[in-house]
PDB file of N, CA and C in Angstrom:
ATOM      1  N   MET A   1       0.838  -1.162   0.000  1.00  0.00           N
ATOM      2  CA  MET A   1       0.000   0.000   0.000  1.00  0.00           C
ATOM      3  C   MET A   1       0.889   1.234   0.000  1.00  0.00           C
ATOM      4  N   ASP A   2       0.492   2.251  -0.738  1.00  0.00           N
ATOM      5  CA  ASP A   2       1.238   3.504  -0.768  1.00  0.00           C
ATOM      6  C   ASP A   2       0.797   4.401   0.381  1.00  0.00           C
ATOM      7  N   VAL A   3       1.789   4.982   1.042  1.00  0.00           N
ATOM      8  CA  VAL A   3       1.533   5.917   2.133  1.00  0.00           C
ATOM      9  C   VAL A   3       2.293   7.200   1.822  1.00  0.00           C
ATOM     10  N   VAL A   4       1.590   8.316   1.903  1.00  0.00           N
ATOM     11  CA  VAL A   4       2.196   9.626   1.703  1.00  0.00           C
ATOM     12  C   VAL A   4       2.374  10.251   3.077  1.00  0.00           C
ATOM     13  N   VAL A   5       3.564  10.766   3.333  1.00  0.00           N
ATOM     14  CA  VAL A   5       3.861  11.322   4.654  1.00  0.00           C
ATOM     15  C   VAL A   5       4.203  12.799   4.552  1.00  0.00           C
ATOM     16  N   TYR A   6       3.921  13.489   5.616  1.00  0.00           N
ATOM     17  CA  TYR A   6       4.160  14.922   5.672  1.00  0.00           C
ATOM     18  C   TYR A   6       4.968  15.269   6.913  1.00  0.00           C
ATOM     19  N   GLY A   7       5.527  16.469   6.885  1.00  0.00           N
ATOM     20  CA  GLY A   7       6.253  16.992   8.035  1.00  0.00           C
ATOM     21  C   GLY A   7       7.455  16.149   8.414  1.00  0.00           C
ATOM     22  N   PRO A   8       7.671  16.010   9.727  1.00  0.00           N
ATOM     23  CA  PRO A   8       8.869  15.315  10.208  1.00  0.00           C
ATOM     24  C   PRO A   8       8.904  13.823   9.882  1.00  0.00           C
ATOM     25  N   LEU A   9       7.789  13.250   9.446  1.00  0.00           N
ATOM     26  CA  LEU A   9       7.816  11.833   9.062  1.00  0.00           C
ATOM     27  C   LEU A   9       8.740  11.599   7.869  1.00  0.00           C
ATOM     28  N   ARG A  10       8.900  12.608   7.031  1.00  0.00           N
ATOM     29  CA  ARG A  10       9.742  12.448   5.840  1.00  0.00           C
ATOM     30  C   ARG A  10      11.188  12.146   6.186  1.00  0.00           C
ATOM     31  N   SER A  11      11.671  12.726   7.275  1.00  0.00           N
ATOM     32  CA  SER A  11      13.067  12.448   7.632  1.00  0.00           C
ATOM     33  C   SER A  11      13.245  10.991   8.054  1.00  0.00           C
ATOM     34  N   ALA A  12      12.197  10.381   8.583  1.00  0.00           N
ATOM     35  CA  ALA A  12      12.276   8.979   8.985  1.00  0.00           C
ATOM     36  C   ALA A  12      12.101   8.024   7.808  1.00  0.00           C
ATOM     37  N   THR A  13      11.359   8.457   6.784  1.00  0.00           N
ATOM     38  CA  THR A  13      11.091   7.572   5.648  1.00  0.00           C
ATOM     39  C   THR A  13      12.022   7.820   4.476  1.00  0.00           C
ATOM     40  N   GLY A  14      12.653   8.987   4.446  1.00  0.00           N
ATOM     41  CA  GLY A  14      13.547   9.312   3.345  1.00  0.00           C
ATOM     42  C   GLY A  14      12.837   9.837   2.115  1.00  0.00           C
ATOM     43  N   GLY A  15      11.546  10.075   2.215  1.00  0.00           N
ATOM     44  CA  GLY A  15      10.812  10.604   1.069  1.00  0.00           C
ATOM     45  C   GLY A  15       9.360  10.844   1.396  1.00  0.00           C
ATOM     46  N   LYS A  16       8.655  11.413   0.430  1.00  0.00           N
ATOM     47  CA  LYS A  16       7.246  11.758   0.628  1.00  0.00           C
ATOM     48  C   LYS A  16       6.330  10.553   0.477  1.00  0.00           C
ATOM     49  N   ARG A  17       6.686   9.612  -0.366  1.00  0.00           N
ATOM     50  CA  ARG A  17       5.808   8.483  -0.672  1.00  0.00           C
ATOM     51  C   ARG A  17       6.577   7.187  -0.432  1.00  0.00           C
ATOM     52  N   VAL A  18       5.964   6.269   0.319  1.00  0.00           N
ATOM     53  CA  VAL A  18       6.577   4.969   0.572  1.00  0.00           C
ATOM     54  C   VAL A  18       5.551   3.873   0.305  1.00  0.00           C
ATOM     55  N   ALA A  19       6.032   2.714  -0.064  1.00  0.00           N
ATOM     56  CA  ALA A  19       5.175   1.552  -0.249  1.00  0.00           C
ATOM     57  C   ALA A  19       5.471   0.564   0.867  1.00  0.00           C
ATOM     58  N   ILE A  20       4.422   0.069   1.500  1.00  0.00           N
ATOM     59  CA  ILE A  20       4.604  -0.904   2.574  1.00  0.00           C
ATOM     60  C   ILE A  20       3.699  -2.110   2.344  1.00  0.00           C
ATOM     61  N   GLU A  21       4.143  -3.251   2.852  1.00  0.00           N
ATOM     62  CA  GLU A  21       3.341  -4.472   2.821  1.00  0.00           C
ATOM     63  C   GLU A  21       2.471  -4.487   4.070  1.00  0.00           C
ATOM     64  N   VAL A  22       1.184  -4.739   3.893  1.00  0.00           N
ATOM     65  CA  VAL A  22       0.245  -4.701   5.012  1.00  0.00           C
ATOM     66  C   VAL A  22      -0.463  -6.039   5.126  1.00  0.00           C
ATOM     67  N   ASP A  23      -0.423  -6.608   6.331  1.00  0.00           N
ATOM     68  CA  ASP A  23      -1.236  -7.781   6.656  1.00  0.00           C
ATOM     69  C   ASP A  23      -2.389  -7.274   7.506  1.00  0.00           C
ATOM     70  N   GLY A  24      -3.579  -7.413   7.026  1.00  0.00           N
ATOM     71  CA  GLY A  24      -4.733  -6.944   7.771  1.00  0.00           C
ATOM     72  C   GLY A  24      -5.606  -6.051   6.921  1.00  0.00           C
ATOM     73  N   ASP A  25      -6.760  -5.731   7.468  1.00  0.00           N
ATOM     74  CA  ASP A  25      -7.782  -5.048   6.678  1.00  0.00           C
ATOM     75  C   ASP A  25      -8.145  -3.649   7.149  1.00  0.00           C
ATOM     76  N   THR A  26      -7.535  -3.178   8.220  1.00  0.00           N
ATOM     77  CA  THR A  26      -7.941  -1.881   8.758  1.00  0.00           C
ATOM     78  C   THR A  26      -6.857  -0.820   8.584  1.00  0.00           C
ATOM     79  N   VAL A  27      -7.264   0.403   8.772  1.00  0.00           N
ATOM     80  CA  VAL A  27      -6.310   1.515   8.749  1.00  0.00           C
ATOM     81  C   VAL A  27      -5.273   1.321   9.853  1.00  0.00           C
ATOM     82  N   GLU A  28      -5.693   0.799  10.985  1.00  0.00           N
ATOM     83  CA  GLU A  28      -4.748   0.542  12.071  1.00  0.00           C
ATOM     84  C   GLU A  28      -3.683  -0.470  11.645  1.00  0.00           C
ATOM     85  N   ASP A  29      -4.061  -1.463  10.861  1.00  0.00           N
ATOM     86  CA  ASP A  29      -3.088  -2.426  10.340  1.00  0.00           C
ATOM     87  C   ASP A  29      -2.060  -1.740   9.445  1.00  0.00           C
ATOM     88  N   VAL A  30      -2.505  -0.752   8.682  1.00  0.00           N
ATOM     89  CA  VAL A  30      -1.580   0.017   7.834  1.00  0.00           C
ATOM     90  C   VAL A  30      -0.594   0.774   8.709  1.00  0.00           C
ATOM     91  N   LEU A  31      -1.104   1.430   9.757  1.00  0.00           N
ATOM     92  CA  LEU A  31      -0.209   2.182  10.636  1.00  0.00           C
ATOM     93  C   LEU A  31       0.767   1.257  11.361  1.00  0.00           C
ATOM     94  N   ASP A  32       0.293   0.084  11.781  1.00  0.00           N
ATOM     95  CA  ASP A  32       1.193  -0.877  12.427  1.00  0.00           C
ATOM     96  C   ASP A  32       2.318  -1.285  11.481  1.00  0.00           C
ATOM     97  N   ALA A  33       1.985  -1.567  10.227  1.00  0.00           N
ATOM     98  CA  ALA A  33       2.998  -1.944   9.244  1.00  0.00           C
ATOM     99  C   ALA A  33       3.941  -0.784   8.955  1.00  0.00           C
ATOM    100  N   PHE A  34       3.400   0.429   8.927  1.00  0.00           N
ATOM    101  CA  PHE A  34       4.212   1.619   8.684  1.00  0.00           C
ATOM    102  C   PHE A  34       5.237   1.796   9.805  1.00  0.00           C
ATOM    103  N   VAL A  35       4.783   1.704  11.049  1.00  0.00           N
ATOM    104  CA  VAL A  35       5.691   1.872  12.192  1.00  0.00           C
ATOM    105  C   VAL A  35       6.713   0.739  12.234  1.00  0.00           C
ATOM    106  N   GLU A  36       6.302  -0.456  11.865  1.00  0.00           N
ATOM    107  CA  GLU A  36       7.250  -1.567  11.821  1.00  0.00           C
ATOM    108  C   GLU A  36       8.332  -1.306  10.775  1.00  0.00           C
ATOM    109  N   ALA A  37       7.947  -0.767   9.629  1.00  0.00           N
ATOM    110  CA  ALA A  37       8.910  -0.474   8.564  1.00  0.00           C
ATOM    111  C   ALA A  37       9.779   0.736   8.900  1.00  0.00           C
ATOM    112  N   PHE A  38       9.210   1.680   9.643  1.00  0.00           N
ATOM    113  CA  PHE A  38       9.918   2.919   9.990  1.00  0.00           C
ATOM    114  C   PHE A  38       9.755   3.194  11.485  1.00  0.00           C
ATOM    115  N   PRO A  39      10.505   2.474  12.342  1.00  0.00           N
ATOM    116  CA  PRO A  39      10.327   2.582  13.791  1.00  0.00           C
ATOM    117  C   PRO A  39      10.497   3.994  14.341  1.00  0.00           C
ATOM    118  N   GLY A  40      11.269   4.824  13.674  1.00  0.00           N
ATOM    119  CA  GLY A  40      11.475   6.190  14.144  1.00  0.00           C
ATOM    120  C   GLY A  40      10.229   7.058  14.080  1.00  0.00           C
ATOM    121  N   THR A  41       9.174   6.562  13.476  1.00  0.00           N
ATOM    122  CA  THR A  41       7.937   7.344  13.355  1.00  0.00           C
ATOM    123  C   THR A  41       6.977   7.117  14.515  1.00  0.00           C
ATOM    124  N   GLU A  42       7.220   6.091  15.295  1.00  0.00           N
ATOM    125  CA  GLU A  42       6.246   5.719  16.335  1.00  0.00           C
ATOM    126  C   GLU A  42       5.965   6.862  17.310  1.00  0.00           C
ATOM    127  N   ASN A  43       7.019   7.529  17.803  1.00  0.00           N
ATOM    128  CA  ASN A  43       6.787   8.595  18.783  1.00  0.00           C
ATOM    129  C   ASN A  43       6.133   9.827  18.169  1.00  0.00           C
ATOM    130  N   GLN A  44       6.160   9.948  16.854  1.00  0.00           N
ATOM    131  CA  GLN A  44       5.493  11.064  16.194  1.00  0.00           C
ATOM    132  C   GLN A  44       4.003  10.782  15.988  1.00  0.00           C
ATOM    133  N   LEU A  45       3.643   9.507  15.964  1.00  0.00           N
ATOM    134  CA  LEU A  45       2.256   9.121  15.711  1.00  0.00           C
ATOM    135  C   LEU A  45       1.502   8.722  16.973  1.00  0.00           C
ATOM    136  N   TYR A  46       2.206   8.100  17.923  1.00  0.00           N
ATOM    137  CA  TYR A  46       1.541   7.532  19.092  1.00  0.00           C
ATOM    138  C   TYR A  46       2.006   8.179  20.385  1.00  0.00           C
ATOM    139  N   ALA A  47       1.073   8.315  21.325  1.00  0.00           N
ATOM    140  CA  ALA A  47       1.374   8.823  22.668  1.00  0.00           C
ATOM    141  C   ALA A  47       2.001   7.695  23.489  1.00  0.00           C
ATOM    142  N   ASP A  48       2.486   8.034  24.673  1.00  0.00           N
ATOM    143  CA  ASP A  48       3.127   7.050  25.542  1.00  0.00           C
ATOM    144  C   ASP A  48       2.195   5.895  25.909  1.00  0.00           C
ATOM    145  N   ASP A  49       0.893   6.149  25.956  1.00  0.00           N
ATOM    146  CA  ASP A  49      -0.059   5.095  26.327  1.00  0.00           C
ATOM    147  C   ASP A  49      -0.454   4.214  25.138  1.00  0.00           C
ATOM    148  N   GLY A  50       0.148   4.455  23.966  1.00  0.00           N
ATOM    149  CA  GLY A  50      -0.125   3.634  22.792  1.00  0.00           C
ATOM    150  C   GLY A  50      -1.267   4.120  21.920  1.00  0.00           C
ATOM    151  N   SER A  51      -1.928   5.191  22.334  1.00  0.00           N
ATOM    152  CA  SER A  51      -3.028   5.729  21.526  1.00  0.00           C
ATOM    153  C   SER A  51      -2.479   6.677  20.461  1.00  0.00           C
ATOM    154  N   LEU A  52      -3.213   6.777  19.366  1.00  0.00           N
ATOM    155  CA  LEU A  52      -2.825   7.710  18.314  1.00  0.00           C
ATOM    156  C   LEU A  52      -2.916   9.126  18.868  1.00  0.00           C
ATOM    157  N   ARG A  53      -1.894   9.922  18.642  1.00  0.00           N
ATOM    158  CA  ARG A  53      -1.921  11.300  19.134  1.00  0.00           C
ATOM    159  C   ARG A  53      -3.128  12.029  18.539  1.00  0.00           C
ATOM    160  N   PRO A  54      -3.823  12.828  19.342  1.00  0.00           N
ATOM    161  CA  PRO A  54      -5.027  13.506  18.862  1.00  0.00           C
ATOM    162  C   PRO A  54      -4.778  14.446  17.676  1.00  0.00           C
ATOM    163  N   SER A  55      -3.573  14.950  17.555  1.00  0.00           N
ATOM    164  CA  SER A  55      -3.273  15.891  16.474  1.00  0.00           C
ATOM    165  C   SER A  55      -2.857  15.211  15.177  1.00  0.00           C
ATOM    166  N   VAL A  56      -2.739  13.873  15.183  1.00  0.00           N
ATOM    167  CA  VAL A  56      -2.366  13.139  13.976  1.00  0.00           C
ATOM    168  C   VAL A  56      -3.613  12.933  13.119  1.00  0.00           C
ATOM    169  N   ARG A  57      -3.470  13.220  11.825  1.00  0.00           N
ATOM    170  CA  ARG A  57      -4.571  12.987  10.882  1.00  0.00           C
ATOM    171  C   ARG A  57      -4.162  11.904   9.901  1.00  0.00           C
ATOM    172  N   VAL A  58      -5.103  11.023   9.625  1.00  0.00           N
ATOM    173  CA  VAL A  58      -4.917   9.982   8.619  1.00  0.00           C
ATOM    174  C   VAL A  58      -6.043  10.170   7.610  1.00  0.00           C
ATOM    175  N   THR A  59      -5.683  10.307   6.333  1.00  0.00           N
ATOM    176  CA  THR A  59      -6.708  10.544   5.318  1.00  0.00           C
ATOM    177  C   THR A  59      -6.557   9.582   4.148  1.00  0.00           C
ATOM    178  N   TYR A  60      -7.671   9.401   3.446  1.00  0.00           N
ATOM    179  CA  TYR A  60      -7.693   8.663   2.198  1.00  0.00           C
ATOM    180  C   TYR A  60      -8.474   9.511   1.207  1.00  0.00           C
ATOM    181  N   ASP A  61      -7.851   9.834   0.098  1.00  0.00           N
ATOM    182  CA  ASP A  61      -8.471  10.722  -0.898  1.00  0.00           C
ATOM    183  C   ASP A  61      -8.982  12.012  -0.275  1.00  0.00           C
ATOM    184  N   GLY A  62      -8.229  12.537   0.681  1.00  0.00           N
ATOM    185  CA  GLY A  62      -8.572  13.805   1.298  1.00  0.00           C
ATOM    186  C   GLY A  62      -9.608  13.732   2.398  1.00  0.00           C
ATOM    187  N   GLU A  63     -10.169  12.559   2.637  1.00  0.00           N
ATOM    188  CA  GLU A  63     -11.178  12.383   3.686  1.00  0.00           C
ATOM    189  C   GLU A  63     -10.547  11.709   4.894  1.00  0.00           C
ATOM    190  N   ARG A  64     -10.825  12.242   6.062  1.00  0.00           N
ATOM    191  CA  ARG A  64     -10.277  11.667   7.281  1.00  0.00           C
ATOM    192  C   ARG A  64     -10.830  10.262   7.502  1.00  0.00           C
ATOM    193  N   VAL A  65      -9.958   9.345   7.920  1.00  0.00           N
ATOM    194  CA  VAL A  65     -10.366   7.976   8.236  1.00  0.00           C
ATOM    195  C   VAL A  65      -9.982   7.666   9.678  1.00  0.00           C
ATOM    196  N   GLU A  66     -10.683   6.704  10.249  1.00  0.00           N
ATOM    197  CA  GLU A  66     -10.438   6.279  11.627  1.00  0.00           C
ATOM    198  C   GLU A  66      -9.663   4.959  11.614  1.00  0.00           C
ATOM    199  N   LEU A  67      -9.033   4.638  12.730  1.00  0.00           N
ATOM    200  CA  LEU A  67      -8.203   3.442  12.808  1.00  0.00           C
ATOM    201  C   LEU A  67      -8.971   2.158  12.531  1.00  0.00           C
ATOM    202  N   ASP A  68     -10.230   2.099  12.931  1.00  0.00           N
ATOM    203  CA  ASP A  68     -10.989   0.865  12.733  1.00  0.00           C
ATOM    204  C   ASP A  68     -11.687   0.792  11.379  1.00  0.00           C
ATOM    205  N   ASP A  69     -11.523   1.823  10.535  1.00  0.00           N
ATOM    206  CA  ASP A  69     -12.078   1.777   9.179  1.00  0.00           C
ATOM    207  C   ASP A  69     -11.331   0.739   8.351  1.00  0.00           C
ATOM    208  N   LEU A  70     -12.038   0.154   7.383  1.00  0.00           N
ATOM    209  CA  LEU A  70     -11.365  -0.751   6.454  1.00  0.00           C
ATOM    210  C   LEU A  70     -10.358   0.035   5.629  1.00  0.00           C
ATOM    211  N   ARG A  71      -9.211  -0.567   5.430  1.00  0.00           N
ATOM    212  CA  ARG A  71      -8.196   0.121   4.634  1.00  0.00           C
ATOM    213  C   ARG A  71      -8.601   0.091   3.171  1.00  0.00           C
ATOM    214  N   PRO A  72      -8.246   1.132   2.445  1.00  0.00           N
ATOM    215  CA  PRO A  72      -8.553   1.135   1.018  1.00  0.00           C
ATOM    216  C   PRO A  72      -7.772   0.045   0.293  1.00  0.00           C
ATOM    217  N   THR A  73      -8.370  -0.511  -0.737  1.00  0.00           N
ATOM    218  CA  THR A  73      -7.678  -1.547  -1.502  1.00  0.00           C
ATOM    219  C   THR A  73      -6.852  -0.948  -2.624  1.00  0.00           C
ATOM    220  N   ASP A  74      -7.090   0.317  -2.920  1.00  0.00           N
ATOM    221  CA  ASP A  74      -6.286   1.015  -3.921  1.00  0.00           C
ATOM    222  C   ASP A  74      -6.046   2.428  -3.416  1.00  0.00           C
ATOM    223  N   GLY A  75      -5.290   3.180  -4.135  1.00  0.00           N
ATOM    224  CA  GLY A  75      -5.014   4.546  -3.705  1.00  0.00           C
ATOM    225  C   GLY A  75      -3.956   4.596  -2.627  1.00  0.00           C
ATOM    226  N   GLU A  76      -3.999   5.644  -1.833  1.00  0.00           N
ATOM    227  CA  GLU A  76      -2.970   5.845  -0.830  1.00  0.00           C
ATOM    228  C   GLU A  76      -3.544   6.516   0.400  1.00  0.00           C
ATOM    229  N   LEU A  77      -2.938   6.206   1.505  1.00  0.00           N
ATOM    230  CA  LEU A  77      -3.253   6.886   2.755  1.00  0.00           C
ATOM    231  C   LEU A  77      -2.245   8.007   2.929  1.00  0.00           C
ATOM    232  N   ALA A  78      -2.667   9.071   3.573  1.00  0.00           N
ATOM    233  CA  ALA A  78      -1.758  10.160   3.896  1.00  0.00           C
ATOM    234  C   ALA A  78      -1.701  10.316   5.409  1.00  0.00           C
ATOM    235  N   LEU A  79      -0.490  10.501   5.931  1.00  0.00           N
ATOM    236  CA  LEU A  79      -0.266  10.673   7.366  1.00  0.00           C
ATOM    237  C   LEU A  79       0.239  12.082   7.629  1.00  0.00           C
ATOM    238  N   PHE A  80      -0.466  12.767   8.492  1.00  0.00           N
ATOM    239  CA  PHE A  80      -0.089  14.118   8.904  1.00  0.00           C
ATOM    240  C   PHE A  80       0.210  14.066  10.393  1.00  0.00           C
ATOM    241  N   PRO A  81       1.499  14.074  10.780  1.00  0.00           N
ATOM    242  CA  PRO A  81       1.840  13.986  12.194  1.00  0.00           C
ATOM    243  C   PRO A  81       1.576  15.309  12.905  1.00  0.00           C
ATOM    244  N   ALA A  82       1.701  15.250  14.204  1.00  0.00           N
ATOM    245  CA  ALA A  82       1.583  16.470  15.002  1.00  0.00           C
ATOM    246  C   ALA A  82       2.662  17.448  14.567  1.00  0.00           C
ATOM    247  N   MET A  83       2.287  18.693  14.404  1.00  0.00           N
ATOM    248  CA  MET A  83       3.244  19.722  14.006  1.00  0.00           C
ATOM    249  C   MET A  83       3.329  20.762  15.118  1.00  0.00           C
ATOM    250  N   GLN A  84       4.520  21.283  15.298  1.00  0.00           N
ATOM    251  CA  GLN A  84       4.714  22.342  16.269  1.00  0.00           C
ATOM    252  C   GLN A  84       5.097  23.611  15.538  1.00  0.00           C
ATOM    253  N   GLY A  85       4.858  24.679  16.180  1.00  0.00           N
ATOM    254  CA  GLY A  85       5.227  25.964  15.573  1.00  0.00           C
ATOM    255  C   GLY A  85       4.088  26.933  15.718  1.00  0.00           C
ATOM    256  N   GLY A  86       4.272  28.067  15.099  1.00  0.00           N
ATOM    257  CA  GLY A  86       3.182  29.026  15.244  1.00  0.00           C
ATOM    258  C   GLY A  86       3.433  30.263  14.456  1.00  0.00           C
TER     259      GLY A  86
END
């Protein structure tokens, strides 16, 4: 599955778009595979208690998706990590 990343996630992935192998049918399965492939992204996506940070957005075709949603069979997911600044 193709995943497009933004912000500081790019430094961990080495680029804007990455392809990952996913076992499972949910958006959460995609994120698990993403973190497994790029362990340096875990603290940017997840809080210490293991929950997705509230400021992280996951979208498919520009529409926000939830972790328990079925993952798309085509297209790409986009990950927007928490950003700081002002």
